[in-house]
Protein backbone atom coordinates (compact mmCIF):
# COMPACT_ATOMS: atom_id res chain seq x y z
CA UNK A 1 -3.57 -28.93 6.45
CA UNK A 2 -5.71 -26.17 4.86
CA UNK A 3 -3.92 -22.90 3.97
CA UNK A 4 -0.41 -22.01 2.78
CA UNK A 5 2.89 -23.20 4.14
CA UNK A 6 6.08 -21.60 3.07
CA UNK A 7 9.60 -22.98 3.99
CA UNK A 8 12.34 -21.62 1.77
CA UNK A 9 16.21 -21.41 1.85
CA UNK A 10 18.50 -19.86 -0.66
CA UNK A 11 22.00 -18.12 -0.65
CA UNK A 12 21.83 -16.61 -4.19
CA UNK A 13 21.32 -14.34 -5.88
CA UNK A 14 19.80 -12.95 -2.56
CA UNK A 15 19.71 -14.56 0.97
CA UNK A 16 16.33 -16.17 1.53
CA UNK A 17 15.35 -17.77 4.73
CA UNK A 18 11.54 -17.68 4.64
CA UNK A 19 9.25 -19.63 6.98
CA UNK A 20 5.64 -18.77 7.64
CA UNK A 21 2.16 -20.12 7.08
CA UNK A 22 -1.34 -18.68 6.26
CA UNK A 23 -4.51 -20.36 6.98
CA UNK A 24 -7.57 -20.42 4.85
CA UNK A 25 -9.41 -17.30 5.22
CA UNK A 26 -6.59 -15.67 7.07
CA UNK A 27 -4.66 -12.57 5.97
CA UNK A 28 -1.03 -12.50 6.85
CA UNK A 29 1.10 -9.30 6.28
CA UNK A 30 4.66 -9.38 5.32
CA UNK A 31 6.30 -6.31 6.93
CA UNK A 32 9.82 -4.90 6.28
CA UNK A 33 11.92 -2.17 4.88
CA UNK A 34 12.43 -1.75 1.15
CA UNK A 35 14.78 -4.27 -0.24
CA UNK A 36 14.05 -6.83 2.56
CA UNK A 37 12.74 -9.59 0.29
CA UNK A 38 9.01 -9.26 0.89
CA UNK A 39 8.20 -9.09 -2.92
CA UNK A 40 10.65 -11.94 -3.78
CA UNK A 41 8.80 -14.16 -1.21
CA UNK A 42 5.45 -13.21 -2.90
CA UNK A 43 7.03 -14.10 -6.40
CA UNK A 44 8.36 -17.28 -5.08
CA UNK A 45 4.90 -18.43 -4.06
CA UNK A 46 3.50 -17.51 -7.27
CA UNK A 47 6.29 -19.38 -9.21
CA UNK A 48 7.62 -16.26 -10.89
CA UNK A 49 10.96 -16.42 -9.01
CA UNK A 50 12.81 -19.61 -8.11
CA UNK A 51 16.56 -19.35 -7.34
CA UNK A 52 18.69 -22.18 -8.77
CA UNK A 53 19.89 -23.30 -5.23
CA UNK A 54 16.54 -22.82 -3.49
CA UNK A 55 15.64 -25.60 -0.88
CA UNK A 56 12.35 -26.23 0.82
CA UNK A 57 8.69 -26.32 -0.06
CA UNK A 58 5.50 -24.31 -0.80
CA UNK A 59 2.27 -26.11 -0.14
CA UNK A 60 -1.33 -24.87 -0.58
CA UNK A 61 -4.12 -27.01 1.11
CA UNK A 62 -1.77 -29.96 1.11
CA UNK A 63 -0.84 -29.67 -2.59
CA UNK A 64 2.92 -29.26 -3.24
CA UNK A 65 3.62 -26.38 -5.42
CA UNK A 66 7.30 -26.65 -4.82
CA UNK A 67 9.14 -29.49 -3.03
CA UNK A 68 12.79 -29.54 -3.78
CA UNK A 69 13.31 -32.79 -1.90
CA UNK A 70 10.68 -34.61 -3.95
CA UNK A 71 11.60 -32.81 -7.23
CA UNK A 72 8.31 -30.95 -7.45
CA UNK A 73 8.10 -27.56 -9.10
CA UNK A 74 4.75 -26.43 -10.68
CA UNK A 75 4.78 -23.78 -13.34
CA UNK A 76 3.19 -20.32 -12.50
CA UNK A 77 0.36 -21.38 -14.78
CA UNK A 78 -0.40 -24.40 -12.76
CA UNK A 79 -0.55 -22.57 -9.49
CA UNK A 80 -3.76 -21.12 -8.36
CA UNK A 81 -2.12 -17.86 -7.27
CA UNK A 82 -3.84 -14.49 -7.78
CA UNK A 83 -1.31 -11.64 -7.74
CA UNK A 84 -2.16 -8.02 -7.41
CA UNK A 85 0.87 -5.95 -8.42
CA UNK A 86 1.59 -2.64 -6.90
CA UNK A 87 1.30 -0.82 -10.11
CA UNK A 88 -1.67 -3.12 -11.34
CA UNK A 89 0.10 -4.27 -14.59
CA UNK A 90 -3.07 -4.07 -16.52
CA UNK A 91 -2.89 -4.46 -20.32
CA UNK A 92 -3.43 -0.93 -21.57
CA UNK A 93 -5.03 -2.09 -25.03
CA UNK A 94 -7.62 -4.39 -23.30
CA UNK A 95 -10.85 -3.41 -21.62
CA UNK A 96 -11.37 -4.19 -17.91
CA UNK A 97 -13.51 -7.24 -18.77
CA UNK A 98 -10.91 -8.55 -21.07
CA UNK A 99 -8.17 -8.08 -18.68
CA UNK A 100 -9.97 -10.22 -16.04
CA UNK A 101 -11.13 -12.72 -18.62
CA UNK A 102 -7.42 -13.31 -19.81
CA UNK A 103 -6.53 -14.51 -16.25
CA UNK A 104 -9.84 -16.57 -15.77
CA UNK A 105 -9.39 -20.33 -15.48
CA UNK A 106 -11.38 -23.07 -17.39
CA UNK A 107 -15.19 -22.94 -17.00
CA UNK A 108 -15.34 -19.11 -16.45
CA UNK A 109 -17.68 -17.50 -18.95
CA UNK A 110 -18.16 -13.87 -19.97
CA UNK A 111 -21.21 -13.80 -17.75
CA UNK A 112 -19.10 -14.99 -14.81
CA UNK A 113 -16.53 -12.43 -15.29
CA UNK A 114 -19.12 -9.72 -15.59
CA UNK A 115 -20.75 -10.93 -12.38
CA UNK A 116 -17.48 -10.56 -10.64
CA UNK A 117 -17.04 -7.13 -11.98
CA UNK A 118 -20.40 -6.32 -10.65
CA UNK A 119 -19.64 -7.34 -7.29
CA UNK A 120 -16.73 -5.10 -7.12
CA UNK A 121 -18.70 -2.09 -8.42
CA UNK A 122 -17.46 -2.12 -11.91
CA UNK A 123 -20.58 -2.96 -13.60
CA UNK A 124 -20.68 0.24 -15.76
CA UNK A 125 -17.01 0.19 -16.29
CA UNK A 126 -16.30 -3.25 -17.72
CA UNK A 127 -15.70 -1.96 -21.30
CA UNK A 128 -13.28 0.86 -20.43
CA UNK A 129 -9.60 0.57 -20.87
CA UNK A 130 -7.24 1.22 -17.93
CA UNK A 131 -6.50 4.84 -19.24
CA UNK A 132 -10.22 5.59 -18.69
CA UNK A 133 -10.27 4.43 -15.17
CA UNK A 134 -9.31 6.13 -11.88
CA UNK A 135 -6.53 4.59 -9.73
CA UNK A 136 -9.15 2.93 -7.41
CA UNK A 137 -11.03 1.63 -10.27
CA UNK A 138 -7.80 0.17 -11.93
CA UNK A 139 -7.12 -1.41 -8.47
CA UNK A 140 -10.48 -3.14 -8.29
CA UNK A 141 -9.96 -4.54 -11.87
CA UNK A 142 -6.48 -5.83 -10.69
CA UNK A 143 -8.16 -7.48 -7.77
CA UNK A 144 -10.87 -9.05 -9.97
CA UNK A 145 -8.16 -10.46 -12.24
CA UNK A 146 -6.42 -11.95 -9.21
CA UNK A 147 -9.71 -13.39 -7.86
CA UNK A 148 -10.67 -15.31 -10.88
CA UNK A 149 -7.45 -17.36 -10.33
CA UNK A 150 -8.52 -18.45 -6.78
CA UNK A 151 -12.17 -18.50 -6.35
CA UNK A 152 -15.04 -20.55 -7.83
CA UNK A 153 -17.23 -19.04 -10.63
CA UNK A 154 -19.96 -16.75 -9.28
CA UNK A 155 -22.54 -18.88 -11.19
CA UNK A 156 -20.91 -22.27 -10.13
CA UNK A 157 -22.62 -25.03 -8.31
CA UNK A 158 -23.33 -23.81 -4.75
CA UNK A 159 -21.80 -27.06 -3.48
CA UNK A 160 -18.45 -26.01 -4.95
CA UNK A 161 -16.68 -24.34 -1.93
CA UNK A 162 -13.65 -22.06 -2.09
CA UNK A 163 -11.97 -24.55 0.20
CA UNK A 164 -12.29 -27.11 -2.62
CA UNK A 165 -9.93 -25.01 -4.73
CA UNK A 166 -6.37 -24.85 -3.50
CA UNK A 167 -5.40 -21.21 -4.19
CA UNK A 168 -3.83 -18.19 -2.64
CA UNK A 169 -4.32 -14.37 -3.03
CA UNK A 170 -1.14 -12.40 -3.13
CA UNK A 171 -1.17 -8.55 -2.62
CA UNK A 172 1.94 -6.60 -3.29
CA UNK A 173 1.46 -3.15 -1.74
CA UNK A 174 -1.85 -2.91 -3.41
CA UNK A 175 -3.10 0.35 -1.68
CA UNK A 176 0.08 2.48 -1.91
CA UNK A 177 -0.79 4.21 -5.23
CA UNK A 178 -4.30 5.40 -4.41
CA UNK A 179 -5.56 8.46 -2.40
CA UNK A 180 -6.71 8.11 1.11
CA UNK A 181 -10.57 7.92 0.47
CA UNK A 182 -9.99 5.25 -2.26
CA UNK A 183 -7.84 3.33 0.11
CA UNK A 184 -10.51 3.38 2.87
CA UNK A 185 -12.93 1.99 0.28
CA UNK A 186 -10.71 -0.83 -0.85
CA UNK A 187 -10.12 -1.65 2.91
CA UNK A 188 -13.78 -2.24 3.18
CA UNK A 189 -13.92 -4.20 -0.07
CA UNK A 190 -11.11 -6.47 1.08
CA UNK A 191 -12.90 -7.07 4.50
CA UNK A 192 -15.98 -8.02 2.67
CA UNK A 193 -14.11 -10.17 0.28
CA UNK A 194 -12.69 -12.28 3.19
CA UNK A 195 -16.22 -13.04 4.26
CA UNK A 196 -16.91 -14.55 0.86
CA UNK A 197 -13.75 -16.22 -0.19
CA UNK A 198 -11.92 -18.52 2.21
CA UNK A 199 -8.46 -18.66 0.75
CA UNK A 200 -5.02 -17.63 2.22
CA UNK A 201 -4.29 -13.96 1.57
CA UNK A 202 -0.66 -12.62 1.90
CA UNK A 203 -0.24 -8.87 1.87
CA UNK A 204 3.04 -7.18 1.39
CA UNK A 205 3.22 -3.62 3.06
CA UNK A 206 5.70 -1.24 4.42
CA UNK A 207 2.90 0.48 6.34
CA UNK A 208 2.70 -0.67 9.97
CA UNK A 209 -0.60 0.96 10.55
CA UNK A 210 -2.01 -0.83 7.54
CA UNK A 211 -0.67 -4.15 8.67
CA UNK A 212 -2.07 -3.55 12.06
CA UNK A 213 -5.56 -2.72 10.73
CA UNK A 214 -5.87 -5.49 8.05
CA UNK A 215 -3.84 -8.48 9.16
CA UNK A 216 -4.58 -11.38 11.37
CA UNK A 217 -0.89 -11.85 11.83
CA UNK A 218 2.41 -10.20 10.72
CA UNK A 219 5.60 -11.62 9.59
CA UNK A 220 8.57 -9.24 10.12
CA UNK A 221 11.05 -9.56 7.25
CA UNK A 222 14.63 -8.32 7.12
CA UNK A 223 17.43 -9.25 4.60
CA UNK A 224 15.41 -12.18 3.17
CA UNK A 225 14.75 -13.55 6.67
CA UNK A 226 11.48 -13.89 8.59
CA UNK A 227 12.46 -12.72 12.04
CA UNK A 228 9.19 -12.88 13.89
CA UNK A 229 5.61 -13.85 13.34
CA UNK A 230 2.54 -13.30 15.41
CA UNK A 231 -0.58 -11.10 15.90
CA UNK A 232 0.15 -7.50 15.20
CA UNK A 233 -0.49 -6.08 18.69
CA UNK A 234 1.79 -8.85 20.17
CA UNK A 235 4.62 -8.52 17.79
CA UNK A 236 4.64 -4.55 17.83
CA UNK A 237 4.44 -4.50 21.75
CA UNK A 238 6.74 -7.57 22.45
CA UNK A 239 9.49 -7.76 19.64
CA UNK A 240 11.79 -10.77 19.66
CA UNK A 241 14.95 -8.77 19.55
CA UNK A 242 16.35 -5.30 19.01
CA UNK A 243 16.29 -5.46 15.33
CA UNK A 244 12.61 -6.29 15.23
CA UNK A 245 11.86 -3.45 17.61
CA UNK A 246 13.70 -1.23 15.19
CA UNK A 247 11.77 -2.51 12.14
CA UNK A 248 8.39 -2.14 13.82
CA UNK A 249 9.16 1.55 14.69
CA UNK A 250 9.48 1.36 18.55
CA UNK A 251 10.84 4.67 19.66
CA UNK A 252 11.59 3.93 23.25
CA UNK A 253 14.35 1.36 23.16
CA UNK A 254 16.95 1.29 25.96
CA UNK A 255 19.74 -0.78 27.47
CA UNK A 256 19.56 -1.77 31.11
CA UNK A 257 20.13 -4.43 33.70
CA UNK A 258 17.65 -6.91 35.03
CA UNK A 259 17.55 -7.81 38.82
CA UNK A 260 15.36 -10.41 40.42
CA UNK A 261 13.02 -9.20 43.17
CA UNK A 262 10.27 -11.05 45.01
CA UNK A 263 8.68 -14.18 43.36
CA UNK A 264 7.27 -13.25 40.03
CA UNK A 265 8.70 -9.77 39.98
CA UNK A 266 11.90 -8.13 38.90
CA UNK A 267 13.53 -4.77 38.64
CA UNK A 268 14.81 -2.99 35.34
CA UNK A 269 17.40 -0.25 35.63
CA UNK A 270 18.68 1.97 32.94
CA UNK A 271 22.37 1.13 32.15
CA UNK A 272 23.63 4.60 32.95
CA UNK A 273 21.72 4.98 36.32
CA UNK A 274 23.96 4.90 39.33
CA UNK A 275 24.01 1.46 41.02
CA UNK A 276 22.72 2.84 44.29
CA UNK A 277 19.84 4.80 42.56
CA UNK A 278 16.92 2.43 43.19
CA UNK A 279 14.70 5.20 42.48
CA UNK A 280 15.01 4.53 38.69
CA UNK A 281 14.22 0.93 39.07
CA UNK A 282 11.07 0.01 36.99
CA UNK A 283 8.94 -2.87 38.14
CA UNK A 284 8.66 -5.74 35.52
CA UNK A 285 7.28 -9.26 35.55
CA UNK A 286 9.88 -12.09 36.10
CA UNK A 287 9.32 -15.02 33.86
CA UNK A 288 12.37 -16.82 35.19
CA UNK A 289 14.14 -16.59 31.76
CA UNK A 290 16.78 -14.08 32.60
CA UNK A 291 19.35 -14.44 35.37
CA UNK A 292 19.87 -11.69 38.10
CA UNK A 293 22.10 -8.80 37.07
CA UNK A 294 21.81 -9.74 33.23
CA UNK A 295 22.43 -6.90 30.75
CA UNK A 296 19.25 -6.54 28.48
CA UNK A 297 17.70 -4.37 26.03
CA UNK A 298 14.22 -3.23 26.58
CA UNK A 299 11.25 -1.22 25.06
CA UNK A 300 8.55 0.83 26.53
CA UNK A 301 5.10 0.67 25.05
CA UNK A 302 3.86 4.18 25.25
CA UNK A 303 0.12 3.14 24.91
CA UNK A 304 0.38 1.61 28.30
CA UNK A 305 1.75 4.61 30.10
CA UNK A 306 -0.56 7.00 31.97
CA UNK A 307 0.38 10.65 31.93
CA UNK A 308 -0.64 13.03 34.80
CA UNK A 309 -0.21 16.48 35.94
CA UNK A 310 2.84 17.04 38.03
CA UNK A 311 0.82 18.44 40.96
CA UNK A 312 -2.16 16.07 40.61
CA UNK A 313 -2.91 14.32 43.81
CA UNK A 314 -3.40 10.62 43.66
CA UNK A 315 -3.71 7.74 45.99
CA UNK A 316 -0.79 5.34 46.23
CA UNK A 317 0.88 4.17 42.98
CA UNK A 318 -0.97 1.27 41.61
CA UNK A 319 0.49 -2.14 42.52
CA UNK A 320 3.42 -3.13 40.26
CA UNK A 321 3.28 0.35 38.51
CA UNK A 322 6.30 2.73 38.63
CA UNK A 323 5.92 6.56 38.88
CA UNK A 324 8.46 8.65 37.06
CA UNK A 325 8.71 12.50 36.97
CA UNK A 326 9.57 13.80 33.51
CA UNK A 327 10.09 17.21 31.86
CA UNK A 328 8.64 17.90 28.40
CA UNK A 329 11.45 19.08 26.37
CA UNK A 330 9.64 19.35 23.00
CA UNK A 331 5.90 19.22 21.93
CA UNK A 332 5.35 18.90 18.20
CA UNK A 333 1.71 19.17 17.21
CA UNK A 334 0.51 16.83 14.53
CA UNK A 335 -3.16 17.62 14.41
CA UNK A 336 -5.00 15.77 17.15
CA UNK A 337 -1.81 14.08 18.24
CA UNK A 338 1.36 15.74 19.65
CA UNK A 339 4.69 14.12 19.47
CA UNK A 340 6.28 14.71 22.86
CA UNK A 341 9.89 14.32 24.02
CA UNK A 342 10.26 13.88 27.72
CA UNK A 343 13.34 13.69 30.05
CA UNK A 344 13.32 11.79 33.31
CA UNK A 345 14.23 14.12 36.15
CA UNK A 346 16.56 11.56 37.82
CA UNK A 347 18.14 10.53 34.48
CA UNK A 348 18.83 13.53 32.32
CA UNK A 349 20.87 11.53 29.77
CA UNK A 350 17.64 9.63 28.59
CA UNK A 351 14.59 10.73 26.80
CA UNK A 352 11.13 9.10 26.29
CA UNK A 353 8.90 9.67 23.22
CA UNK A 354 5.15 9.67 23.70
CA UNK A 355 2.29 10.44 21.37
CA UNK A 356 -0.12 12.59 23.39
CA UNK A 357 -3.57 13.81 22.33
CA UNK A 358 -4.00 17.74 22.24
CA UNK A 359 -7.02 17.15 24.58
CA UNK A 360 -4.89 15.55 27.22
CA UNK A 361 -2.26 18.28 26.98
CA UNK A 362 -4.91 20.86 27.34
CA UNK A 363 -6.30 19.10 30.39
CA UNK A 364 -3.03 18.87 31.98
CA UNK A 365 -2.36 22.43 31.27
CA UNK A 366 1.29 21.75 30.26
CA UNK A 367 3.45 22.54 27.38
CA UNK A 368 7.24 22.59 26.49
CA UNK A 369 9.26 22.97 29.63
CA UNK A 370 6.63 21.77 31.91
CA UNK A 371 6.66 18.70 34.14
CA UNK A 372 4.35 15.71 34.23
CA UNK A 373 4.13 12.35 36.04
CA UNK A 374 4.29 9.07 34.19
CA UNK A 375 2.73 5.89 35.71
CA UNK A 376 4.23 2.94 33.93
CA UNK A 377 2.46 -0.47 34.05
CA UNK A 378 4.67 -3.48 34.16
CA UNK A 379 3.15 -4.78 30.98
CA UNK A 380 4.36 -1.71 29.29
CA UNK A 381 7.98 -3.02 29.51
CA UNK A 382 9.24 -5.78 27.29
CA UNK A 383 12.73 -7.15 27.89
CA UNK A 384 14.87 -8.71 25.17
CA UNK A 385 18.22 -10.53 25.12
CA UNK A 386 21.16 -8.58 24.10
CA UNK A 387 22.11 -9.40 20.53
CA UNK A 388 25.45 -10.98 20.31
CA UNK A 389 27.54 -11.03 17.16
């Protein structure tokens, strides 16, 4: 199989239960809080960190870099892993070209290194030392240094494809130390790079927006364990459990009861709603995975909620949708977006948080204290099992 496969278990010095893969040409983002083990996983792939009790394997394009069952453990030098550190880790006494050349594998010439620097917009800066480069320029040098470990020489035989070289590019929060304009430039360079170099790329980031923008798939990491893997939009909208929902920053997370309805449909009720208050039941899809009357936790995806003026006249509620009258308790302006806290009229003990555009609020002519109508699509609701200890 092409690409990277990681399957590791360790109990010390920190807990590690890592299981994910990354295909050739794919970018996978490891997302989680500080101290969750993201960087440790990256270092384990590169061979820079191997716990004494580790069990499992790391394979790249079928080649075993680590296989504890077979007694295989390649040294960091033997692994074609290009690692971009968060703080670049360039040698201060060496030029940009020398920093890159030091990491280059056999066969790379000075012309090859210069050609790579030219491609990354560093043609006129190759003889400068890190202290003479901006943050963005240092980042490009660090990226070039990582690339010489995983890509064929720029002047190599055209028949030598990147797929023929088993390697992986590892990026440890590479954009956190640069300003916003430089970050946007580096995003574009990374996108262009992916079209030229078909190697697995693993990105460590704590920035959910960055992961959503750059990654083909995300791996949610917590306390050394991979909790969920999937496309960003799916993981962020459909977390596997309450902990994943918390880690991906879902604000509208509630407890409730699930009831079966007509075939294919169910009803979701807030836990503290009165049993007789059917007006607070939200229509949801029934996938026949949850029994009638089961306690659940659930999240509301605000991107799939339509907000309408309280007095706005509409035709009947769309099939499967739920209409909910709410009062705006707070409107905090954040430029073009306002962070709005709403309270359902029929359930004053609960609040809903939505990010609404200033243009929408102006069109609705509503502010703090006013009333709106929410129309909630069934796909906006995601039900999760109650976590048991």
